[in-house]
């Protein structure tokens, strides 16, 4: 499922970050996907949409994990638990330059 028109570039990263900051103890991938679906006003009963968004959430969070912004804290019923590393992304964004 192509989510490009539903979720513009970088919006999923911001929404996932909001979900993580709202749950300092950690939150699993499925809950983050539901957070995104509810925030965007999409159909939460569509299981294909939930799965597609959860897949994209994992991609985004793995990228943030390599940057040191989030970490995996375990598993809950087969879903990865994620937590923030305490970095303020907005404060550090000016130091990140990806134009390479």
Protein backbone atom coordinates (compact mmCIF):
# COMPACT_ATOMS: atom_id res chain seq x y z
CA UNK A 1 0.00 0.00 0.00
CA UNK A 2 1.42 3.36 -1.04
CA UNK A 3 1.11 5.86 1.81
CA UNK A 4 2.82 8.77 0.05
CA UNK A 5 -0.39 10.73 -0.50
CA UNK A 6 -1.77 10.00 2.97
CA UNK A 7 1.35 10.87 4.93
CA UNK A 8 3.70 13.48 3.46
CA UNK A 9 7.46 13.30 3.83
CA UNK A 10 8.76 13.60 7.42
CA UNK A 11 5.26 13.73 8.90
CA UNK A 12 5.40 10.09 10.01
CA UNK A 13 8.68 10.77 11.81
CA UNK A 14 7.11 13.72 13.64
CA UNK A 15 3.98 11.77 14.57
CA UNK A 16 6.01 8.80 15.80
CA UNK A 17 8.13 11.18 17.87
CA UNK A 18 4.96 12.70 19.40
CA UNK A 19 3.72 9.24 20.33
CA UNK A 20 7.07 8.37 21.94
CA UNK A 21 7.19 11.61 23.90
CA UNK A 22 3.62 11.03 25.14
CA UNK A 23 4.70 7.62 26.54
CA UNK A 24 8.05 8.05 28.33
CA UNK A 25 7.93 4.43 29.59
CA UNK A 26 7.94 3.16 26.02
CA UNK A 27 5.33 2.27 23.44
CA UNK A 28 5.06 -0.56 20.94
CA UNK A 29 4.94 -0.33 17.17
CA UNK A 30 1.24 -1.17 16.91
CA UNK A 31 0.30 1.56 19.38
CA UNK A 32 2.39 4.10 17.48
CA UNK A 33 0.64 3.07 14.25
CA UNK A 34 -2.75 3.53 15.93
CA UNK A 35 -1.63 6.93 17.23
CA UNK A 36 -0.73 7.96 13.67
CA UNK A 37 -4.02 6.64 12.26
CA UNK A 38 -6.06 8.47 14.89
CA UNK A 39 -4.09 11.71 14.50
CA UNK A 40 -4.55 11.62 10.71
CA UNK A 41 -8.26 10.77 11.01
CA UNK A 42 -7.94 7.54 9.02
CA UNK A 43 -10.01 4.36 9.29
CA UNK A 44 -8.71 2.46 12.35
CA UNK A 45 -10.70 -0.66 11.42
CA UNK A 46 -8.75 -1.17 8.16
CA UNK A 47 -6.24 -3.89 9.05
CA UNK A 48 -4.25 -3.45 5.84
CA UNK A 49 -3.79 0.24 6.57
CA UNK A 50 -2.73 -0.53 10.16
CA UNK A 51 -0.17 -3.04 8.93
CA UNK A 52 1.20 -0.70 6.24
CA UNK A 53 1.57 2.18 8.69
CA UNK A 54 3.17 -0.09 11.30
CA UNK A 55 5.70 -1.19 8.68
CA UNK A 56 6.53 2.43 7.85
CA UNK A 57 6.76 3.26 11.57
CA UNK A 58 9.35 0.51 12.00
CA UNK A 59 11.36 1.91 9.08
CA UNK A 60 11.29 5.42 10.52
CA UNK A 61 12.19 4.29 14.04
CA UNK A 62 15.03 2.08 12.84
CA UNK A 63 16.49 5.10 11.07
CA UNK A 64 16.12 7.16 14.25
CA UNK A 65 17.72 4.31 16.17
CA UNK A 66 20.84 4.56 14.01
CA UNK A 67 20.93 8.29 14.75
CA UNK A 68 20.72 7.52 18.48
CA UNK A 69 17.35 9.24 19.01
CA UNK A 70 15.31 6.17 20.01
CA UNK A 71 16.05 2.69 21.26
CA UNK A 72 14.35 -0.68 21.38
CA UNK A 73 13.40 -1.61 24.90
CA UNK A 74 11.95 -5.08 24.33
CA UNK A 75 8.93 -6.83 22.86
CA UNK A 76 5.26 -6.88 23.75
CA UNK A 77 3.15 -9.62 22.14
CA UNK A 78 5.40 -9.73 19.08
CA UNK A 79 5.68 -5.95 18.62
CA UNK A 80 8.87 -4.02 19.31
CA UNK A 81 8.81 -1.58 22.23
CA UNK A 82 10.45 1.81 21.57
CA UNK A 83 11.57 4.64 23.85
CA UNK A 84 13.25 7.99 23.31
CA UNK A 85 16.87 8.55 24.23
CA UNK A 86 16.14 11.92 25.79
CA UNK A 87 17.44 13.96 22.86
CA UNK A 88 15.59 17.07 21.84
CA UNK A 89 15.43 16.67 18.05
CA UNK A 90 14.30 20.25 17.44
CA UNK A 91 17.30 21.61 19.33
CA UNK A 92 19.72 19.34 17.45
CA UNK A 93 18.19 19.60 13.97
CA UNK A 94 20.35 22.54 12.96
CA UNK A 95 23.49 20.43 13.40
CA UNK A 96 22.24 17.69 11.07
CA UNK A 97 23.11 18.25 7.43
CA UNK A 98 22.09 15.52 4.99
CA UNK A 99 23.05 17.27 1.77
CA UNK A 100 26.31 15.31 1.85
